PDB file of N, CA and C in Angstrom:
ATOM      1  N   MET A   1      79.808 190.552 125.031  1.00  0.00           N
ATOM      2  CA  MET A   1      80.851 189.955 125.838  1.00  0.00           C
ATOM      3  C   MET A   1      80.509 190.050 127.317  1.00  0.00           C
ATOM      4  N   ASN A   2      80.845 189.044 128.016  1.00  0.00           N
ATOM      5  CA  ASN A   2      80.602 189.015 129.453  1.00  0.00           C
ATOM      6  C   ASN A   2      81.888 189.412 130.178  1.00  0.00           C
ATOM      7  N   ASN A   3      81.912 190.615 130.733  1.00  0.00           N
ATOM      8  CA  ASN A   3      83.104 191.114 131.409  1.00  0.00           C
ATOM      9  C   ASN A   3      83.125 190.787 132.891  1.00  0.00           C
ATOM     10  N   GLU A   4      82.124 190.051 133.359  1.00  0.00           N
ATOM     11  CA  GLU A   4      82.084 189.703 134.770  1.00  0.00           C
ATOM     12  C   GLU A   4      83.203 188.727 135.092  1.00  0.00           C
ATOM     13  N   LYS A   5      83.855 188.968 136.209  1.00  0.00           N
ATOM     14  CA  LYS A   5      84.927 188.092 136.648  1.00  0.00           C
ATOM     15  C   LYS A   5      84.314 186.949 137.444  1.00  0.00           C
ATOM     16  N   LYS A   6      84.684 185.718 137.103  1.00  0.00           N
ATOM     17  CA  LYS A   6      84.159 184.575 137.836  1.00  0.00           C
ATOM     18  C   LYS A   6      84.795 184.538 139.212  1.00  0.00           C
ATOM     19  N   LYS A   7      83.976 184.293 140.202  1.00  0.00           N
ATOM     20  CA  LYS A   7      84.451 184.238 141.577  1.00  0.00           C
ATOM     21  C   LYS A   7      84.734 182.800 141.949  1.00  0.00           C
ATOM     22  N   TYR A   8      85.899 182.584 142.529  1.00  0.00           N
ATOM     23  CA  TYR A   8      86.265 181.242 142.966  1.00  0.00           C
ATOM     24  C   TYR A   8      85.735 181.029 144.376  1.00  0.00           C
ATOM     25  N   TYR A   9      85.071 179.913 144.577  1.00  0.00           N
ATOM     26  CA  TYR A   9      84.541 179.586 145.894  1.00  0.00           C
ATOM     27  C   TYR A   9      85.298 178.393 146.476  1.00  0.00           C
ATOM     28  N   TYR A  10      85.649 178.502 147.754  1.00  0.00           N
ATOM     29  CA  TYR A  10      86.251 177.379 148.465  1.00  0.00           C
ATOM     30  C   TYR A  10      85.148 176.395 148.837  1.00  0.00           C
ATOM     31  N   SER A  11      85.541 175.197 149.212  1.00  0.00           N
ATOM     32  CA  SER A  11      84.546 174.243 149.681  1.00  0.00           C
ATOM     33  C   SER A  11      84.126 174.630 151.102  1.00  0.00           C
ATOM     34  N   LYS A  12      82.993 174.119 151.525  1.00  0.00           N
ATOM     35  CA  LYS A  12      82.492 174.429 152.861  1.00  0.00           C
ATOM     36  C   LYS A  12      83.464 173.914 153.925  1.00  0.00           C
ATOM     37  N   ASN A  13      84.036 172.749 153.686  1.00  0.00           N
ATOM     38  CA  ASN A  13      85.000 172.198 154.635  1.00  0.00           C
ATOM     39  C   ASN A  13      86.236 173.086 154.754  1.00  0.00           C
ATOM     40  N   MET A  14      86.692 173.620 153.624  1.00  0.00           N
ATOM     41  CA  MET A  14      87.864 174.493 153.638  1.00  0.00           C
ATOM     42  C   MET A  14      87.571 175.771 154.419  1.00  0.00           C
ATOM     43  N   LEU A  15      86.396 176.337 154.257  1.00  0.00           N
ATOM     44  CA  LEU A  15      86.030 177.525 155.028  1.00  0.00           C
ATOM     45  C   LEU A  15      85.983 177.208 156.521  1.00  0.00           C
ATOM     46  N   PHE A  16      85.472 176.033 156.865  1.00  0.00           N
ATOM     47  CA  PHE A  16      85.410 175.639 158.268  1.00  0.00           C
ATOM     48  C   PHE A  16      86.819 175.470 158.842  1.00  0.00           C
ATOM     49  N   ILE A  17      87.717 174.862 158.060  1.00  0.00           N
ATOM     50  CA  ILE A  17      89.100 174.697 158.519  1.00  0.00           C
ATOM     51  C   ILE A  17      89.774 176.051 158.676  1.00  0.00           C
ATOM     52  N   ARG A  18      89.534 176.963 157.739  1.00  0.00           N
ATOM     53  CA  ARG A  18      90.109 178.308 157.852  1.00  0.00           C
ATOM     54  C   ARG A  18      89.574 179.029 159.086  1.00  0.00           C
ATOM     55  N   MET A  19      88.300 178.820 159.393  1.00  0.00           N
ATOM     56  CA  MET A  19      87.721 179.436 160.581  1.00  0.00           C
ATOM     57  C   MET A  19      88.408 178.893 161.841  1.00  0.00           C
ATOM     58  N   LEU A  20      88.634 177.585 161.878  1.00  0.00           N
ATOM     59  CA  LEU A  20      89.326 176.981 163.022  1.00  0.00           C
ATOM     60  C   LEU A  20      90.770 177.485 163.135  1.00  0.00           C
ATOM     61  N   ILE A  21      91.449 177.610 162.009  1.00  0.00           N
ATOM     62  CA  ILE A  21      92.826 178.110 162.018  1.00  0.00           C
ATOM     63  C   ILE A  21      92.867 179.549 162.511  1.00  0.00           C
ATOM     64  N   GLY A  22      91.918 180.368 162.068  1.00  0.00           N
ATOM     65  CA  GLY A  22      91.844 181.754 162.544  1.00  0.00           C
ATOM     66  C   GLY A  22      91.621 181.807 164.043  1.00  0.00           C
ATOM     67  N   GLY A  23      90.733 180.962 164.543  1.00  0.00           N
ATOM     68  CA  GLY A  23      90.503 180.903 165.990  1.00  0.00           C
ATOM     69  C   GLY A  23      91.744 180.454 166.736  1.00  0.00           C
ATOM     70  N   TYR A  24      92.492 179.516 166.160  1.00  0.00           N
ATOM     71  CA  TYR A  24      93.721 179.044 166.793  1.00  0.00           C
ATOM     72  C   TYR A  24      94.774 180.159 166.820  1.00  0.00           C
ATOM     73  N   LEU A  25      94.855 180.944 165.756  1.00  0.00           N
ATOM     74  CA  LEU A  25      95.789 182.078 165.735  1.00  0.00           C
ATOM     75  C   LEU A  25      95.441 183.089 166.826  1.00  0.00           C
ATOM     76  N   VAL A  26      94.157 183.342 167.022  1.00  0.00           N
ATOM     77  CA  VAL A  26      93.726 184.253 168.089  1.00  0.00           C
ATOM     78  C   VAL A  26      94.133 183.682 169.446  1.00  0.00           C
ATOM     79  N   TYR A  27      93.922 182.384 169.639  1.00  0.00           N
ATOM     80  CA  TYR A  27      94.300 181.732 170.896  1.00  0.00           C
ATOM     81  C   TYR A  27      95.814 181.839 171.132  1.00  0.00           C
ATOM     82  N   LEU A  28      96.614 181.586 170.096  1.00  0.00           N
ATOM     83  CA  LEU A  28      98.069 181.680 170.242  1.00  0.00           C
ATOM     84  C   LEU A  28      98.509 183.101 170.580  1.00  0.00           C
ATOM     85  N   ALA A  29      97.921 184.075 169.910  1.00  0.00           N
ATOM     86  CA  ALA A  29      98.283 185.462 170.173  1.00  0.00           C
ATOM     87  C   ALA A  29      97.907 185.848 171.596  1.00  0.00           C
ATOM     88  N   TYR A  30      96.742 185.423 172.050  1.00  0.00           N
ATOM     89  CA  TYR A  30      96.322 185.707 173.422  1.00  0.00           C
ATOM     90  C   TYR A  30      97.295 185.070 174.417  1.00  0.00           C
ATOM     91  N   SER A  31      97.697 183.837 174.142  1.00  0.00           N
ATOM     92  CA  SER A  31      98.643 183.153 175.029  1.00  0.00           C
ATOM     93  C   SER A  31      99.991 183.870 175.057  1.00  0.00           C
ATOM     94  N   LEU A  32     100.437 184.354 173.906  1.00  0.00           N
ATOM     95  CA  LEU A  32     101.698 185.095 173.850  1.00  0.00           C
ATOM     96  C   LEU A  32     101.614 186.377 174.672  1.00  0.00           C
ATOM     97  N   ILE A  33     100.543 187.119 174.490  1.00  0.00           N
ATOM     98  CA  ILE A  33     100.382 188.373 175.230  1.00  0.00           C
ATOM     99  C   ILE A  33     100.333 188.105 176.730  1.00  0.00           C
ATOM    100  N   GLU A  34      99.596 187.070 177.115  1.00  0.00           N
ATOM    101  CA  GLU A  34      99.490 186.726 178.527  1.00  0.00           C
ATOM    102  C   GLU A  34     100.854 186.342 179.114  1.00  0.00           C
ATOM    103  N   SER A  35     101.639 185.591 178.339  1.00  0.00           N
ATOM    104  CA  SER A  35     102.964 185.202 178.839  1.00  0.00           C
ATOM    105  C   SER A  35     103.919 186.393 178.889  1.00  0.00           C
ATOM    106  N   TYR A  36     103.781 187.327 177.929  1.00  0.00           N
ATOM    107  CA  TYR A  36     104.629 188.530 177.973  1.00  0.00           C
ATOM    108  C   TYR A  36     104.336 189.350 179.216  1.00  0.00           C
ATOM    109  N   ILE A  37     103.059 189.475 179.545  1.00  0.00           N
ATOM    110  CA  ILE A  37     102.679 190.302 180.695  1.00  0.00           C
ATOM    111  C   ILE A  37     103.067 189.620 182.006  1.00  0.00           C
ATOM    112  N   SER A  38     102.819 188.322 182.117  1.00  0.00           N
ATOM    113  CA  SER A  38     103.103 187.646 183.387  1.00  0.00           C
ATOM    114  C   SER A  38     104.604 187.428 183.610  1.00  0.00           C
ATOM    115  N   ASN A  39     105.361 187.321 182.524  1.00  0.00           N
ATOM    116  CA  ASN A  39     106.808 187.124 182.644  1.00  0.00           C
ATOM    117  C   ASN A  39     107.575 188.322 182.105  1.00  0.00           C
ATOM    118  N   ALA A  40     107.122 189.495 182.409  1.00  0.00           N
ATOM    119  CA  ALA A  40     107.727 190.711 181.852  1.00  0.00           C
ATOM    120  C   ALA A  40     109.194 190.846 182.235  1.00  0.00           C
ATOM    121  N   ASP A  41     109.554 190.442 183.434  1.00  0.00           N
ATOM    122  CA  ASP A  41     110.948 190.579 183.850  1.00  0.00           C
ATOM    123  C   ASP A  41     111.868 189.644 183.064  1.00  0.00           C
ATOM    124  N   LYS A  42     111.408 188.439 182.721  1.00  0.00           N
ATOM    125  CA  LYS A  42     112.220 187.502 181.941  1.00  0.00           C
ATOM    126  C   LYS A  42     112.264 187.920 180.474  1.00  0.00           C
ATOM    127  N   VAL A  43     111.154 188.400 179.975  1.00  0.00           N
ATOM    128  CA  VAL A  43     111.070 188.798 178.568  1.00  0.00           C
ATOM    129  C   VAL A  43     111.857 190.073 178.323  1.00  0.00           C
ATOM    130  N   SER A  44     111.946 190.951 179.326  1.00  0.00           N
ATOM    131  CA  SER A  44     112.634 192.232 179.131  1.00  0.00           C
ATOM    132  C   SER A  44     114.123 192.038 178.894  1.00  0.00           C
ATOM    133  N   ASN A  45     114.659 190.883 179.248  1.00  0.00           N
ATOM    134  CA  ASN A  45     116.076 190.605 178.991  1.00  0.00           C
ATOM    135  C   ASN A  45     116.323 190.172 177.546  1.00  0.00           C
ATOM    136  N   SER A  46     115.255 189.955 176.789  1.00  0.00           N
ATOM    137  CA  SER A  46     115.408 189.539 175.396  1.00  0.00           C
ATOM    138  C   SER A  46     115.808 190.719 174.525  1.00  0.00           C
ATOM    139  N   SER A  47     116.054 190.445 173.263  1.00  0.00           N
ATOM    140  CA  SER A  47     116.526 191.491 172.343  1.00  0.00           C
ATOM    141  C   SER A  47     115.439 192.490 171.969  1.00  0.00           C
ATOM    142  N   MET A  48     114.161 192.111 172.104  1.00  0.00           N
ATOM    143  CA  MET A  48     113.067 193.015 171.759  1.00  0.00           C
ATOM    144  C   MET A  48     112.356 193.491 173.016  1.00  0.00           C
ATOM    145  N   PRO A  49     111.966 194.759 173.035  1.00  0.00           N
ATOM    146  CA  PRO A  49     111.208 195.250 174.196  1.00  0.00           C
ATOM    147  C   PRO A  49     109.799 194.643 174.241  1.00  0.00           C
ATOM    148  N   VAL A  50     109.258 194.532 175.444  1.00  0.00           N
ATOM    149  CA  VAL A  50     107.945 193.919 175.664  1.00  0.00           C
ATOM    150  C   VAL A  50     106.843 194.622 174.874  1.00  0.00           C
ATOM    151  N   PRO A  51     106.778 195.958 174.835  1.00  0.00           N
ATOM    152  CA  PRO A  51     105.694 196.594 174.058  1.00  0.00           C
ATOM    153  C   PRO A  51     105.703 196.217 172.570  1.00  0.00           C
ATOM    154  N   VAL A  52     106.890 196.039 172.002  1.00  0.00           N
ATOM    155  CA  VAL A  52     106.976 195.651 170.586  1.00  0.00           C
ATOM    156  C   VAL A  52     106.426 194.230 170.403  1.00  0.00           C
ATOM    157  N   LEU A  53     106.765 193.350 171.328  1.00  0.00           N
ATOM    158  CA  LEU A  53     106.251 191.980 171.261  1.00  0.00           C
ATOM    159  C   LEU A  53     104.730 191.950 171.409  1.00  0.00           C
ATOM    160  N   ILE A  54     104.208 192.770 172.297  1.00  0.00           N
ATOM    161  CA  ILE A  54     102.758 192.826 172.501  1.00  0.00           C
ATOM    162  C   ILE A  54     102.068 193.380 171.259  1.00  0.00           C
ATOM    163  N   ILE A  55     102.635 194.426 170.661  1.00  0.00           N
ATOM    164  CA  ILE A  55     102.038 195.004 169.439  1.00  0.00           C
ATOM    165  C   ILE A  55     102.064 193.980 168.301  1.00  0.00           C
ATOM    166  N   ALA A  56     103.181 193.251 168.167  1.00  0.00           N
ATOM    167  CA  ALA A  56     103.262 192.224 167.126  1.00  0.00           C
ATOM    168  C   ALA A  56     102.227 191.126 167.377  1.00  0.00           C
ATOM    169  N   SER A  57     102.015 190.772 168.629  1.00  0.00           N
ATOM    170  CA  SER A  57     101.024 189.743 168.959  1.00  0.00           C
ATOM    171  C   SER A  57      99.611 190.229 168.688  1.00  0.00           C
ATOM    172  N   ILE A  58      99.358 191.505 168.930  1.00  0.00           N
ATOM    173  CA  ILE A  58      98.032 192.073 168.644  1.00  0.00           C
ATOM    174  C   ILE A  58      97.763 192.050 167.134  1.00  0.00           C
ATOM    175  N   ILE A  59      98.780 192.367 166.335  1.00  0.00           N
ATOM    176  CA  ILE A  59      98.631 192.297 164.876  1.00  0.00           C
ATOM    177  C   ILE A  59      98.366 190.852 164.452  1.00  0.00           C
ATOM    178  N   PHE A  60      99.095 189.914 165.056  1.00  0.00           N
ATOM    179  CA  PHE A  60      98.915 188.498 164.802  1.00  0.00           C
ATOM    180  C   PHE A  60      97.484 188.075 165.143  1.00  0.00           C
ATOM    181  N   MET A  61      96.974 188.586 166.259  1.00  0.00           N
ATOM    182  CA  MET A  61      95.622 188.275 166.693  1.00  0.00           C
ATOM    183  C   MET A  61      94.596 188.863 165.715  1.00  0.00           C
ATOM    184  N   ALA A  62      94.856 190.076 165.232  1.00  0.00           N
ATOM    185  CA  ALA A  62      93.929 190.717 164.294  1.00  0.00           C
ATOM    186  C   ALA A  62      93.840 189.931 162.987  1.00  0.00           C
ATOM    187  N   VAL A  63      94.968 189.420 162.518  1.00  0.00           N
ATOM    188  CA  VAL A  63      94.965 188.628 161.286  1.00  0.00           C
ATOM    189  C   VAL A  63      94.161 187.337 161.495  1.00  0.00           C
ATOM    190  N   GLY A  64      94.391 186.677 162.616  1.00  0.00           N
ATOM    191  CA  GLY A  64      93.638 185.457 162.915  1.00  0.00           C
ATOM    192  C   GLY A  64      92.155 185.717 163.038  1.00  0.00           C
ATOM    193  N   LEU A  65      91.800 186.823 163.674  1.00  0.00           N
ATOM    194  CA  LEU A  65      90.394 187.188 163.832  1.00  0.00           C
ATOM    195  C   LEU A  65      89.758 187.493 162.477  1.00  0.00           C
ATOM    196  N   ALA A  66      90.500 188.177 161.609  1.00  0.00           N
ATOM    197  CA  ALA A  66      89.981 188.497 160.277  1.00  0.00           C
ATOM    198  C   ALA A  66      89.737 187.223 159.469  1.00  0.00           C
ATOM    199  N   VAL A  67      90.679 186.279 159.519  1.00  0.00           N
ATOM    200  CA  VAL A  67      90.512 185.014 158.787  1.00  0.00           C
ATOM    201  C   VAL A  67      89.286 184.266 159.309  1.00  0.00           C
ATOM    202  N   ALA A  68      89.136 184.217 160.617  1.00  0.00           N
ATOM    203  CA  ALA A  68      87.998 183.504 161.214  1.00  0.00           C
ATOM    204  C   ALA A  68      86.678 184.167 160.842  1.00  0.00           C
ATOM    205  N   ILE A  69      86.615 185.491 160.916  1.00  0.00           N
ATOM    206  CA  ILE A  69      85.366 186.200 160.623  1.00  0.00           C
ATOM    207  C   ILE A  69      84.998 186.089 159.145  1.00  0.00           C
ATOM    208  N   ILE A  70      85.978 186.242 158.260  1.00  0.00           N
ATOM    209  CA  ILE A  70      85.695 186.149 156.828  1.00  0.00           C
ATOM    210  C   ILE A  70      85.211 184.743 156.467  1.00  0.00           C
ATOM    211  N   SER A  71      85.830 183.736 157.058  1.00  0.00           N
ATOM    212  CA  SER A  71      85.404 182.356 156.789  1.00  0.00           C
ATOM    213  C   SER A  71      84.009 182.086 157.346  1.00  0.00           C
ATOM    214  N   LEU A  72      83.733 182.580 158.539  1.00  0.00           N
ATOM    215  CA  LEU A  72      82.406 182.406 159.129  1.00  0.00           C
ATOM    216  C   LEU A  72      81.348 183.112 158.288  1.00  0.00           C
ATOM    217  N   LYS A  73      81.666 184.309 157.805  1.00  0.00           N
ATOM    218  CA  LYS A  73      80.740 185.043 156.948  1.00  0.00           C
ATOM    219  C   LYS A  73      80.457 184.266 155.666  1.00  0.00           C
ATOM    220  N   GLY A  74      81.506 183.648 155.097  1.00  0.00           N
ATOM    221  CA  GLY A  74      81.329 182.844 153.890  1.00  0.00           C
ATOM    222  C   GLY A  74      80.439 181.640 154.119  1.00  0.00           C
ATOM    223  N   ILE A  75      80.575 181.022 155.286  1.00  0.00           N
ATOM    224  CA  ILE A  75      79.732 179.865 155.603  1.00  0.00           C
ATOM    225  C   ILE A  75      78.283 180.299 155.780  1.00  0.00           C
ATOM    226  N   ILE A  76      78.080 181.399 156.492  1.00  0.00           N
ATOM    227  CA  ILE A  76      76.721 181.872 156.759  1.00  0.00           C
ATOM    228  C   ILE A  76      76.022 182.316 155.472  1.00  0.00           C
ATOM    229  N   LYS A  77      76.741 183.032 154.603  1.00  0.00           N
ATOM    230  CA  LYS A  77      76.134 183.538 153.371  1.00  0.00           C
ATOM    231  C   LYS A  77      76.069 182.497 152.258  1.00  0.00           C
ATOM    232  N   GLY A  78      76.663 181.341 152.472  1.00  0.00           N
ATOM    233  CA  GLY A  78      76.635 180.307 151.448  1.00  0.00           C
ATOM    234  C   GLY A  78      77.636 180.542 150.340  1.00  0.00           C
ATOM    235  N   GLU A  79      78.728 181.248 150.634  1.00  0.00           N
ATOM    236  CA  GLU A  79      79.743 181.550 149.632  1.00  0.00           C
ATOM    237  C   GLU A  79      80.780 180.429 149.577  1.00  0.00           C
ATOM    238  N   TYR A  80      80.325 179.247 149.197  1.00  0.00           N
ATOM    239  CA  TYR A  80      81.209 178.105 149.041  1.00  0.00           C
ATOM    240  C   TYR A  80      80.697 177.291 147.867  1.00  0.00           C
ATOM    241  N   LYS A  81      81.509 176.365 147.388  1.00  0.00           N
ATOM    242  CA  LYS A  81      81.104 175.540 146.243  1.00  0.00           C
ATOM    243  C   LYS A  81      79.817 174.816 146.569  1.00  0.00           C
ATOM    244  N   GLY A  82      78.822 175.035 145.747  1.00  0.00           N
ATOM    245  CA  GLY A  82      77.533 174.394 145.951  1.00  0.00           C
ATOM    246  C   GLY A  82      76.632 175.141 146.915  1.00  0.00           C
ATOM    247  N   GLY A  83      77.093 176.253 147.453  1.00  0.00           N
ATOM    248  CA  GLY A  83      76.284 177.043 148.373  1.00  0.00           C
ATOM    249  C   GLY A  83      75.271 177.882 147.635  1.00  0.00           C
ATOM    250  N   LYS A  84      74.447 178.591 148.404  1.00  0.00           N
ATOM    251  CA  LYS A  84      73.379 179.366 147.764  1.00  0.00           C
ATOM    252  C   LYS A  84      73.896 180.569 146.979  1.00  0.00           C
ATOM    253  N   ALA A  85      75.156 180.986 147.196  1.00  0.00           N
ATOM    254  CA  ALA A  85      75.711 182.109 146.444  1.00  0.00           C
ATOM    255  C   ALA A  85      76.483 181.657 145.211  1.00  0.00           C
ATOM    256  N   ASP A  86      76.664 180.342 145.035  1.00  0.00           N
ATOM    257  CA  ASP A  86      77.411 179.802 143.900  1.00  0.00           C
ATOM    258  C   ASP A  86      76.452 179.504 142.761  1.00  0.00           C
ATOM    259  N   PHE A  87      76.524 180.318 141.714  1.00  0.00           N
ATOM    260  CA  PHE A  87      75.634 180.161 140.570  1.00  0.00           C
ATOM    261  C   PHE A  87      76.324 179.474 139.398  1.00  0.00           C
ATOM    262  N   SER A  88      77.557 179.054 139.563  1.00  0.00           N
ATOM    263  CA  SER A  88      78.306 178.481 138.444  1.00  0.00           C
ATOM    264  C   SER A  88      77.707 177.170 137.963  1.00  0.00           C
ATOM    265  N   GLU A  89      77.108 176.396 138.836  1.00  0.00           N
ATOM    266  CA  GLU A  89      76.537 175.117 138.432  1.00  0.00           C
ATOM    267  C   GLU A  89      75.265 175.293 137.615  1.00  0.00           C
ATOM    268  N   GLU A  90      74.528 176.381 137.846  1.00  0.00           N
ATOM    269  CA  GLU A  90      73.287 176.600 137.106  1.00  0.00           C
ATOM    270  C   GLU A  90      73.553 176.846 135.628  1.00  0.00           C
ATOM    271  N   GLU A  91      74.721 177.424 135.325  1.00  0.00           N
ATOM    272  CA  GLU A  91      75.032 177.709 133.933  1.00  0.00           C
ATOM    273  C   GLU A  91      75.160 176.427 133.119  1.00  0.00           C
ATOM    274  N   TYR A  92      75.553 175.355 133.757  1.00  0.00           N
ATOM    275  CA  TYR A  92      75.811 174.119 133.046  1.00  0.00           C
ATOM    276  C   TYR A  92      74.825 173.013 133.415  1.00  0.00           C
ATOM    277  N   SER A  93      73.643 173.385 133.843  1.00  0.00           N
ATOM    278  CA  SER A  93      72.646 172.371 134.189  1.00  0.00           C
ATOM    279  C   SER A  93      72.152 171.706 132.909  1.00  0.00           C
ATOM    280  N   GLU A  94      71.524 170.560 133.067  1.00  0.00           N
ATOM    281  CA  GLU A  94      71.049 169.802 131.903  1.00  0.00           C
ATOM    282  C   GLU A  94      70.010 170.585 131.107  1.00  0.00           C
ATOM    283  N   ASP A  95      69.139 171.322 131.801  1.00  0.00           N
ATOM    284  CA  ASP A  95      68.115 172.109 131.103  1.00  0.00           C
ATOM    285  C   ASP A  95      68.750 173.186 130.238  1.00  0.00           C
ATOM    286  N   ALA A  96      69.769 173.856 130.781  1.00  0.00           N
ATOM    287  CA  ALA A  96      70.430 174.918 130.022  1.00  0.00           C
ATOM    288  C   ALA A  96      71.140 174.337 128.803  1.00  0.00           C
ATOM    289  N   ILE A  97      71.754 173.179 128.967  1.00  0.00           N
ATOM    290  CA  ILE A  97      72.441 172.542 127.839  1.00  0.00           C
ATOM    291  C   ILE A  97      71.428 172.140 126.768  1.00  0.00           C
ATOM    292  N   GLU A  98      70.290 171.570 127.189  1.00  0.00           N
ATOM    293  CA  GLU A  98      69.252 171.184 126.225  1.00  0.00           C
ATOM    294  C   GLU A  98      68.696 172.397 125.486  1.00  0.00           C
ATOM    295  N   GLU A  99      68.517 173.521 126.204  1.00  0.00           N
ATOM    296  CA  GLU A  99      68.024 174.740 125.559  1.00  0.00           C
ATOM    297  C   GLU A  99      69.026 175.240 124.523  1.00  0.00           C
ATOM    298  N   ASN A 100      70.312 175.207 124.847  1.00  0.00           N
ATOM    299  CA  ASN A 100      71.329 175.642 123.895  1.00  0.00           C
ATOM    300  C   ASN A 100      71.355 174.752 122.663  1.00  0.00           C
ATOM    301  N   ILE A 101      71.212 173.450 122.850  1.00  0.00           N
ATOM    302  CA  ILE A 101      71.188 172.520 121.716  1.00  0.00           C
ATOM    303  C   ILE A 101      69.963 172.783 120.851  1.00  0.00           C
ATOM    304  N   ALA A 102      68.807 173.017 121.492  1.00  0.00           N
ATOM    305  CA  ALA A 102      67.583 173.303 120.737  1.00  0.00           C
ATOM    306  C   ALA A 102      67.737 174.594 119.938  1.00  0.00           C
ATOM    307  N   GLU A 103      68.325 175.619 120.530  1.00  0.00           N
ATOM    308  CA  GLU A 103      68.535 176.881 119.818  1.00  0.00           C
ATOM    309  C   GLU A 103      69.480 176.688 118.640  1.00  0.00           C
ATOM    310  N   GLU A 104      70.519 175.896 118.816  1.00  0.00           N
ATOM    311  CA  GLU A 104      71.455 175.634 117.717  1.00  0.00           C
ATOM    312  C   GLU A 104      70.756 174.884 116.583  1.00  0.00           C
ATOM    313  N   ASN A 105      69.892 173.925 116.912  1.00  0.00           N
ATOM    314  CA  ASN A 105      69.167 173.175 115.884  1.00  0.00           C
ATOM    315  C   ASN A 105      68.222 174.083 115.110  1.00  0.00           C
ATOM    316  N   ILE A 106      67.533 174.981 115.801  1.00  0.00           N
ATOM    317  CA  ILE A 106      66.620 175.916 115.128  1.00  0.00           C
ATOM    318  C   ILE A 106      67.407 176.830 114.205  1.00  0.00           C
ATOM    319  N   THR A 107      68.549 177.331 114.683  1.00  0.00           N
ATOM    320  CA  THR A 107      69.376 178.212 113.861  1.00  0.00           C
ATOM    321  C   THR A 107      69.881 177.478 112.630  1.00  0.00           C
ATOM    322  N   GLU A 108      70.291 176.210 112.789  1.00  0.00           N
ATOM    323  CA  GLU A 108      70.757 175.423 111.643  1.00  0.00           C
ATOM    324  C   GLU A 108      69.625 175.205 110.647  1.00  0.00           C
ATOM    325  N   GLU A 109      68.400 174.942 111.133  1.00  0.00           N
ATOM    326  CA  GLU A 109      67.256 174.726 110.243  1.00  0.00           C
ATOM    327  C   GLU A 109      66.943 175.996 109.458  1.00  0.00           C
ATOM    328  N   ILE A 110      67.010 177.138 110.104  1.00  0.00           N
ATOM    329  CA  ILE A 110      66.719 178.411 109.430  1.00  0.00           C
ATOM    330  C   ILE A 110      67.758 178.674 108.350  1.00  0.00           C
ATOM    331  N   THR A 111      69.027 178.458 108.685  1.00  0.00           N
ATOM    332  CA  THR A 111      70.075 178.693 107.674  1.00  0.00           C
ATOM    333  C   THR A 111      69.982 177.710 106.522  1.00  0.00           C
ATOM    334  N   THR A 112      69.616 176.473 106.787  1.00  0.00           N
ATOM    335  CA  THR A 112      69.472 175.494 105.702  1.00  0.00           C
ATOM    336  C   THR A 112      68.281 175.848 104.826  1.00  0.00           C
ATOM    337  N   ASP A 113      67.199 176.322 105.417  1.00  0.00           N
ATOM    338  CA  ASP A 113      66.021 176.725 104.633  1.00  0.00           C
ATOM    339  C   ASP A 113      66.354 177.910 103.731  1.00  0.00           C
ATOM    340  N   GLU A 114      67.107 178.855 104.233  1.00  0.00           N
ATOM    341  CA  GLU A 114      67.468 180.030 103.448  1.00  0.00           C
ATOM    342  C   GLU A 114      68.405 179.633 102.318  1.00  0.00           C
ATOM    343  N   ASN A 115      69.301 178.700 102.548  1.00  0.00           N
ATOM    344  CA  ASN A 115      70.236 178.281 101.527  1.00  0.00           C
ATOM    345  C   ASN A 115      69.539 177.484 100.413  1.00  0.00           C
ATOM    346  N   GLU A 116      68.484 176.748 100.755  1.00  0.00           N
ATOM    347  CA  GLU A 116      67.769 175.957  99.767  1.00  0.00           C
ATOM    348  C   GLU A 116      66.966 176.844  98.823  1.00  0.00           C
ATOM    349  N   GLU A 117      66.532 177.987  99.298  1.00  0.00           N
ATOM    350  CA  GLU A 117      65.688 178.864  98.463  1.00  0.00           C
ATOM    351  C   GLU A 117      66.515 179.618  97.503  1.00  0.00           C
TER     352      GLU A 117
END
């Protein structure tokens, strides 16, 4: 039995879009932090204190950075459908299918020969 778990790969375009989205999240978080610092007197009148908003923005930035880095790593390592790390297509190549058919034919011939004797 094969207990290996099949890994799902995104398409290369999807990884690129995720990388762009991660970069955009970092940009938004940076803009939020910059606006909190430059407008601290206006923001301090809000219901949340400025340090809490900055910490939340830093967490937001970390998530965006993680998404961008993981997607970039996937693109570089070829971890996408059809990439160099995707071996799922090799299992179903024409040569592999022909080899399986040939093995089945040989097995059938052996069993038929044994049954005839």
